[in-house]
N, C-alpha and C. Protein backbone atom coordinates (compact mmCIF):
# COMPACT_ATOMS: atom_id res chain seq x y z
N UNK A 1 -9.08 -34.97 2.98
CA UNK A 1 -9.30 -33.57 2.66
C UNK A 1 -8.10 -33.03 1.89
N UNK A 2 -8.33 -32.16 0.94
CA UNK A 2 -7.27 -31.59 0.12
C UNK A 2 -6.45 -30.58 0.90
N UNK A 3 -5.16 -30.48 0.57
CA UNK A 3 -4.30 -29.49 1.19
C UNK A 3 -4.34 -28.16 0.45
N UNK A 4 -5.13 -28.06 -0.61
CA UNK A 4 -5.24 -26.83 -1.37
C UNK A 4 -6.17 -25.88 -0.65
N UNK A 5 -5.71 -24.68 -0.44
CA UNK A 5 -6.52 -23.68 0.24
C UNK A 5 -7.55 -23.08 -0.71
N UNK A 6 -8.73 -22.73 -0.21
CA UNK A 6 -9.72 -22.05 -1.05
C UNK A 6 -9.24 -20.68 -1.51
N UNK A 7 -8.21 -20.15 -0.87
CA UNK A 7 -7.69 -18.84 -1.25
C UNK A 7 -7.05 -18.86 -2.64
N UNK A 8 -6.66 -20.01 -3.13
CA UNK A 8 -6.01 -20.07 -4.43
C UNK A 8 -6.97 -19.76 -5.58
N UNK A 9 -8.25 -19.72 -5.30
CA UNK A 9 -9.21 -19.36 -6.34
C UNK A 9 -10.10 -18.18 -5.95
N UNK A 10 -9.98 -17.68 -4.75
CA UNK A 10 -10.92 -16.69 -4.25
C UNK A 10 -10.51 -15.25 -4.56
N UNK A 11 -9.69 -14.64 -3.72
CA UNK A 11 -9.27 -13.27 -3.91
C UNK A 11 -10.25 -12.22 -3.40
N UNK A 12 -11.36 -12.64 -2.79
CA UNK A 12 -12.37 -11.69 -2.34
C UNK A 12 -11.84 -10.68 -1.33
N UNK A 13 -10.99 -11.12 -0.43
CA UNK A 13 -10.46 -10.19 0.58
C UNK A 13 -9.63 -9.10 -0.08
N UNK A 14 -8.94 -9.43 -1.16
CA UNK A 14 -8.08 -8.48 -1.86
C UNK A 14 -8.88 -7.45 -2.66
N UNK A 15 -10.16 -7.69 -2.80
CA UNK A 15 -11.03 -6.77 -3.52
C UNK A 15 -12.13 -6.24 -2.61
N UNK A 16 -11.84 -6.24 -1.29
CA UNK A 16 -12.83 -5.77 -0.32
C UNK A 16 -12.25 -4.77 0.66
N UNK A 17 -11.05 -5.04 1.16
CA UNK A 17 -10.50 -4.26 2.27
C UNK A 17 -9.30 -3.41 1.85
N UNK A 18 -9.13 -2.28 2.54
CA UNK A 18 -7.89 -1.53 2.40
C UNK A 18 -6.83 -2.27 3.19
N UNK A 19 -5.71 -2.51 2.58
CA UNK A 19 -4.60 -3.21 3.22
C UNK A 19 -3.59 -2.15 3.64
N UNK A 20 -3.69 -1.70 4.89
CA UNK A 20 -2.76 -0.69 5.39
C UNK A 20 -1.84 -1.29 6.44
N UNK A 21 -0.62 -0.75 6.52
CA UNK A 21 0.41 -1.31 7.38
C UNK A 21 1.47 -0.25 7.67
N UNK A 22 2.31 -0.53 8.64
CA UNK A 22 3.41 0.36 9.00
C UNK A 22 4.32 0.53 7.79
N UNK A 23 4.76 1.74 7.53
CA UNK A 23 5.49 2.08 6.30
C UNK A 23 6.71 1.20 6.04
N UNK A 24 7.39 0.72 7.08
CA UNK A 24 8.61 -0.07 6.87
C UNK A 24 8.33 -1.39 6.14
N UNK A 25 7.12 -1.92 6.26
CA UNK A 25 6.78 -3.14 5.53
C UNK A 25 6.78 -2.91 4.02
N UNK A 26 6.53 -1.68 3.60
CA UNK A 26 6.49 -1.36 2.18
C UNK A 26 7.85 -1.54 1.51
N UNK A 27 8.92 -1.49 2.27
CA UNK A 27 10.26 -1.64 1.70
C UNK A 27 10.48 -3.03 1.11
N UNK A 28 9.69 -4.01 1.51
CA UNK A 28 9.81 -5.38 0.99
C UNK A 28 8.98 -5.60 -0.27
N UNK A 29 8.23 -4.59 -0.66
CA UNK A 29 7.31 -4.72 -1.79
C UNK A 29 7.75 -3.82 -2.94
N UNK A 30 7.38 -4.16 -4.17
CA UNK A 30 7.66 -3.25 -5.29
C UNK A 30 6.98 -1.90 -5.03
N UNK A 31 7.70 -0.82 -5.25
CA UNK A 31 7.19 0.53 -4.97
C UNK A 31 5.88 0.81 -5.71
N UNK A 32 5.72 0.27 -6.90
CA UNK A 32 4.49 0.51 -7.68
C UNK A 32 3.26 -0.11 -7.03
N UNK A 33 3.45 -1.02 -6.09
CA UNK A 33 2.31 -1.69 -5.45
C UNK A 33 1.94 -1.11 -4.09
N UNK A 34 2.57 -0.02 -3.69
CA UNK A 34 2.22 0.60 -2.41
C UNK A 34 1.92 2.08 -2.59
N UNK A 35 1.15 2.62 -1.67
CA UNK A 35 0.82 4.04 -1.64
C UNK A 35 1.00 4.53 -0.20
N UNK A 36 1.51 5.75 -0.02
CA UNK A 36 1.65 6.27 1.34
C UNK A 36 0.29 6.64 1.93
N UNK A 37 0.15 6.45 3.23
CA UNK A 37 -1.05 6.87 3.98
C UNK A 37 -0.56 7.68 5.17
N UNK A 38 -0.21 8.89 4.93
CA UNK A 38 0.32 9.71 6.01
C UNK A 38 1.78 9.41 6.28
N UNK A 39 2.25 9.87 7.43
CA UNK A 39 3.67 9.77 7.76
C UNK A 39 4.12 8.35 8.12
N UNK A 40 3.27 7.57 8.78
CA UNK A 40 3.70 6.30 9.34
C UNK A 40 3.13 5.07 8.64
N UNK A 41 2.20 5.25 7.77
CA UNK A 41 1.53 4.09 7.18
C UNK A 41 1.55 4.11 5.66
N UNK A 42 1.40 2.94 5.09
CA UNK A 42 1.26 2.76 3.65
C UNK A 42 0.13 1.77 3.43
N UNK A 43 -0.27 1.60 2.18
CA UNK A 43 -1.27 0.60 1.85
C UNK A 43 -0.92 -0.03 0.51
N UNK A 44 -1.51 -1.17 0.26
CA UNK A 44 -1.34 -1.80 -1.05
C UNK A 44 -2.10 -0.96 -2.07
N UNK A 45 -1.46 -0.68 -3.16
CA UNK A 45 -2.05 0.12 -4.23
C UNK A 45 -3.35 -0.52 -4.71
N UNK A 46 -4.34 0.31 -4.90
CA UNK A 46 -5.66 -0.16 -5.35
C UNK A 46 -6.62 -0.39 -4.20
N UNK A 47 -6.10 -0.68 -3.00
CA UNK A 47 -6.99 -0.94 -1.87
C UNK A 47 -7.48 0.34 -1.22
N UNK A 48 -6.92 1.48 -1.59
CA UNK A 48 -7.34 2.76 -1.02
C UNK A 48 -8.51 3.37 -1.79
N UNK A 49 -8.93 2.73 -2.85
CA UNK A 49 -10.01 3.26 -3.70
C UNK A 49 -11.38 2.94 -3.12
N UNK A 50 -12.41 3.69 -3.52
CA UNK A 50 -13.77 3.40 -3.03
C UNK A 50 -14.23 1.97 -3.33
N UNK A 51 -13.82 1.43 -4.47
CA UNK A 51 -14.08 0.02 -4.80
C UNK A 51 -12.73 -0.68 -4.82
N UNK A 52 -12.25 -1.12 -3.65
CA UNK A 52 -10.88 -1.63 -3.57
C UNK A 52 -10.65 -2.90 -4.38
N UNK A 53 -9.47 -2.97 -4.94
CA UNK A 53 -8.95 -4.19 -5.55
C UNK A 53 -7.43 -4.03 -5.56
N UNK A 54 -6.76 -4.88 -4.83
CA UNK A 54 -5.31 -4.79 -4.72
C UNK A 54 -4.67 -4.96 -6.10
N UNK A 55 -3.71 -4.10 -6.40
CA UNK A 55 -3.02 -4.19 -7.69
C UNK A 55 -2.15 -5.44 -7.80
N UNK A 56 -1.87 -6.10 -6.67
CA UNK A 56 -1.10 -7.34 -6.70
C UNK A 56 -1.98 -8.55 -7.00
N UNK A 57 -3.29 -8.37 -7.02
CA UNK A 57 -4.22 -9.46 -7.29
C UNK A 57 -4.34 -9.66 -8.80
N UNK A 58 -4.10 -10.87 -9.23
CA UNK A 58 -4.22 -11.23 -10.64
C UNK A 58 -5.28 -12.30 -10.77
N UNK A 59 -6.05 -12.23 -11.85
CA UNK A 59 -7.03 -13.25 -12.12
C UNK A 59 -8.45 -12.83 -11.80
N UNK A 60 -9.33 -13.80 -11.84
CA UNK A 60 -10.77 -13.58 -11.65
C UNK A 60 -11.20 -14.03 -10.26
N UNK A 61 -11.89 -13.13 -9.55
CA UNK A 61 -12.39 -13.46 -8.22
C UNK A 61 -13.26 -14.70 -8.26
N UNK A 62 -13.04 -15.58 -7.30
CA UNK A 62 -13.86 -16.77 -7.17
C UNK A 62 -13.58 -17.86 -8.18
N UNK A 63 -12.67 -17.63 -9.12
CA UNK A 63 -12.39 -18.64 -10.14
C UNK A 63 -10.91 -19.02 -10.16
N UNK A 64 -10.07 -18.06 -10.41
CA UNK A 64 -8.63 -18.30 -10.47
C UNK A 64 -7.93 -17.00 -10.13
N UNK A 65 -7.62 -16.80 -8.88
CA UNK A 65 -6.99 -15.57 -8.43
C UNK A 65 -5.68 -15.89 -7.71
N UNK A 66 -4.72 -14.99 -7.83
CA UNK A 66 -3.44 -15.19 -7.18
C UNK A 66 -2.80 -13.86 -6.83
N UNK A 67 -2.00 -13.88 -5.78
CA UNK A 67 -1.27 -12.70 -5.33
C UNK A 67 0.12 -12.70 -5.97
N UNK A 68 0.46 -11.60 -6.61
CA UNK A 68 1.77 -11.48 -7.28
C UNK A 68 2.92 -11.34 -6.30
N UNK A 69 2.63 -10.96 -5.06
CA UNK A 69 3.69 -10.75 -4.06
C UNK A 69 3.42 -11.58 -2.81
N UNK A 70 2.88 -12.76 -2.98
CA UNK A 70 2.47 -13.58 -1.85
C UNK A 70 3.58 -13.74 -0.81
N UNK A 71 4.78 -14.05 -1.21
CA UNK A 71 5.87 -14.27 -0.25
C UNK A 71 6.24 -12.99 0.50
N UNK A 72 6.01 -11.82 -0.08
CA UNK A 72 6.34 -10.55 0.56
C UNK A 72 5.11 -9.82 1.11
N UNK A 73 3.95 -10.46 1.09
CA UNK A 73 2.71 -9.79 1.48
C UNK A 73 2.85 -9.18 2.88
N UNK A 74 2.19 -8.06 3.12
CA UNK A 74 2.28 -7.38 4.42
C UNK A 74 1.46 -8.08 5.51
N UNK A 75 1.66 -7.65 6.73
CA UNK A 75 1.05 -8.29 7.90
C UNK A 75 -0.48 -8.41 7.84
N UNK A 76 -1.23 -7.40 7.36
CA UNK A 76 -2.69 -7.59 7.33
C UNK A 76 -3.10 -8.77 6.45
N UNK A 77 -2.36 -9.01 5.38
CA UNK A 77 -2.67 -10.14 4.51
C UNK A 77 -2.31 -11.46 5.19
N UNK A 78 -1.25 -11.46 5.96
CA UNK A 78 -0.84 -12.67 6.68
C UNK A 78 -1.81 -12.99 7.83
N UNK A 79 -2.40 -11.97 8.41
CA UNK A 79 -3.29 -12.16 9.56
C UNK A 79 -4.67 -12.66 9.18
N UNK A 80 -5.17 -12.28 8.01
CA UNK A 80 -6.49 -12.75 7.59
C UNK A 80 -6.42 -14.24 7.30
N UNK A 81 -7.32 -14.99 7.86
CA UNK A 81 -7.31 -16.45 7.75
C UNK A 81 -8.50 -16.95 6.91
N UNK A 82 -8.28 -17.97 6.10
CA UNK A 82 -9.39 -18.53 5.32
C UNK A 82 -10.52 -18.96 6.25
N UNK A 83 -11.71 -18.49 5.97
CA UNK A 83 -12.88 -18.87 6.76
C UNK A 83 -13.15 -18.00 7.96
N UNK A 84 -12.25 -17.05 8.29
CA UNK A 84 -12.54 -16.18 9.44
C UNK A 84 -13.61 -15.16 9.06
N UNK A 85 -14.01 -14.34 10.02
CA UNK A 85 -15.11 -13.40 9.82
C UNK A 85 -14.86 -12.45 8.65
N UNK A 86 -13.65 -11.90 8.55
CA UNK A 86 -13.34 -10.98 7.46
C UNK A 86 -13.39 -11.68 6.11
N UNK A 87 -12.91 -12.90 6.08
CA UNK A 87 -12.95 -13.70 4.85
C UNK A 87 -14.41 -13.93 4.43
N UNK A 88 -15.23 -14.35 5.37
CA UNK A 88 -16.63 -14.65 5.06
C UNK A 88 -17.37 -13.41 4.57
N UNK A 89 -17.10 -12.26 5.22
CA UNK A 89 -17.76 -11.01 4.78
C UNK A 89 -17.32 -10.62 3.38
N UNK A 90 -16.04 -10.79 3.07
CA UNK A 90 -15.54 -10.48 1.73
C UNK A 90 -16.17 -11.38 0.69
N UNK A 91 -16.27 -12.66 0.99
CA UNK A 91 -16.89 -13.60 0.06
C UNK A 91 -18.36 -13.24 -0.19
N UNK A 92 -19.07 -12.91 0.87
CA UNK A 92 -20.47 -12.51 0.75
C UNK A 92 -20.61 -11.28 -0.14
N UNK A 93 -19.73 -10.30 0.05
CA UNK A 93 -19.78 -9.06 -0.73
C UNK A 93 -19.67 -9.34 -2.23
N UNK A 94 -18.92 -10.38 -2.59
CA UNK A 94 -18.69 -10.69 -4.00
C UNK A 94 -19.56 -11.85 -4.49
N UNK A 95 -20.56 -12.23 -3.70
CA UNK A 95 -21.50 -13.25 -4.12
C UNK A 95 -20.94 -14.66 -4.12
N UNK A 96 -19.89 -14.89 -3.33
CA UNK A 96 -19.30 -16.22 -3.24
C UNK A 96 -19.87 -16.96 -2.04
N UNK A 97 -19.98 -18.25 -2.14
CA UNK A 97 -20.52 -19.06 -1.04
C UNK A 97 -19.58 -19.00 0.16
N UNK A 98 -20.13 -19.04 1.37
CA UNK A 98 -19.27 -19.04 2.56
C UNK A 98 -18.41 -20.30 2.60
N UNK A 99 -17.26 -20.17 3.23
CA UNK A 99 -16.38 -21.32 3.42
C UNK A 99 -16.79 -22.06 4.68
N UNK A 100 -16.66 -23.37 4.69
CA UNK A 100 -16.85 -24.08 5.95
C UNK A 100 -15.70 -23.70 6.88
N UNK A 101 -16.00 -23.52 8.14
CA UNK A 101 -14.97 -23.15 9.11
C UNK A 101 -14.36 -24.43 9.65
N UNK A 102 -13.12 -24.68 9.25
CA UNK A 102 -12.41 -25.86 9.72
C UNK A 102 -10.99 -25.48 10.08
N UNK A 103 -10.43 -26.07 11.12
CA UNK A 103 -9.07 -25.75 11.50
C UNK A 103 -8.03 -26.40 10.58
N UNK A 104 -8.46 -27.21 9.63
CA UNK A 104 -7.51 -27.93 8.79
C UNK A 104 -7.11 -27.20 7.51
N UNK A 105 -7.62 -25.99 7.29
CA UNK A 105 -7.24 -25.24 6.10
C UNK A 105 -5.82 -24.72 6.29
N UNK A 106 -4.85 -25.15 5.48
CA UNK A 106 -3.46 -24.72 5.66
C UNK A 106 -3.26 -23.30 5.18
N UNK A 107 -2.94 -22.39 6.06
CA UNK A 107 -2.80 -20.98 5.74
C UNK A 107 -1.61 -20.75 4.81
N UNK A 108 -0.47 -21.32 5.09
CA UNK A 108 0.71 -21.08 4.28
C UNK A 108 0.60 -21.65 2.88
N UNK A 109 -0.32 -22.57 2.64
CA UNK A 109 -0.51 -23.11 1.30
C UNK A 109 -1.41 -22.22 0.47
N UNK A 110 -1.96 -21.19 1.09
CA UNK A 110 -2.92 -20.36 0.36
C UNK A 110 -2.22 -19.29 -0.46
N UNK A 111 -2.94 -18.77 -1.45
CA UNK A 111 -2.44 -17.68 -2.24
C UNK A 111 -2.68 -16.35 -1.56
N UNK A 112 -3.54 -16.34 -0.57
CA UNK A 112 -3.87 -15.15 0.19
C UNK A 112 -3.95 -15.53 1.65
N UNK A 113 -3.68 -14.61 2.51
CA UNK A 113 -3.86 -14.85 3.95
C UNK A 113 -4.18 -13.57 4.65
């Protein structure tokens, strides 16, 4: 089995969900890529829109997508796992085939998490 994660070509989660987190996490990210959400929270820019798409997402969904701030990505991005329920729902929303659920998909090798 390949060690390449399906996240390196997907990006569906980055164009489906609002990525909100405690404001202190925003300090690790470029200011242009975050937006405040009240006093205690921030979100990734673009994910607060009615049709979300993270401004850190580059490329084409389902073909060649990558996160510009992968190493600094906030906790919600780190918590989402390839093939989990949120991943599968995001893929379905964008017309992508579901991923097989296997424990062997390396999360840290992915472009998204």
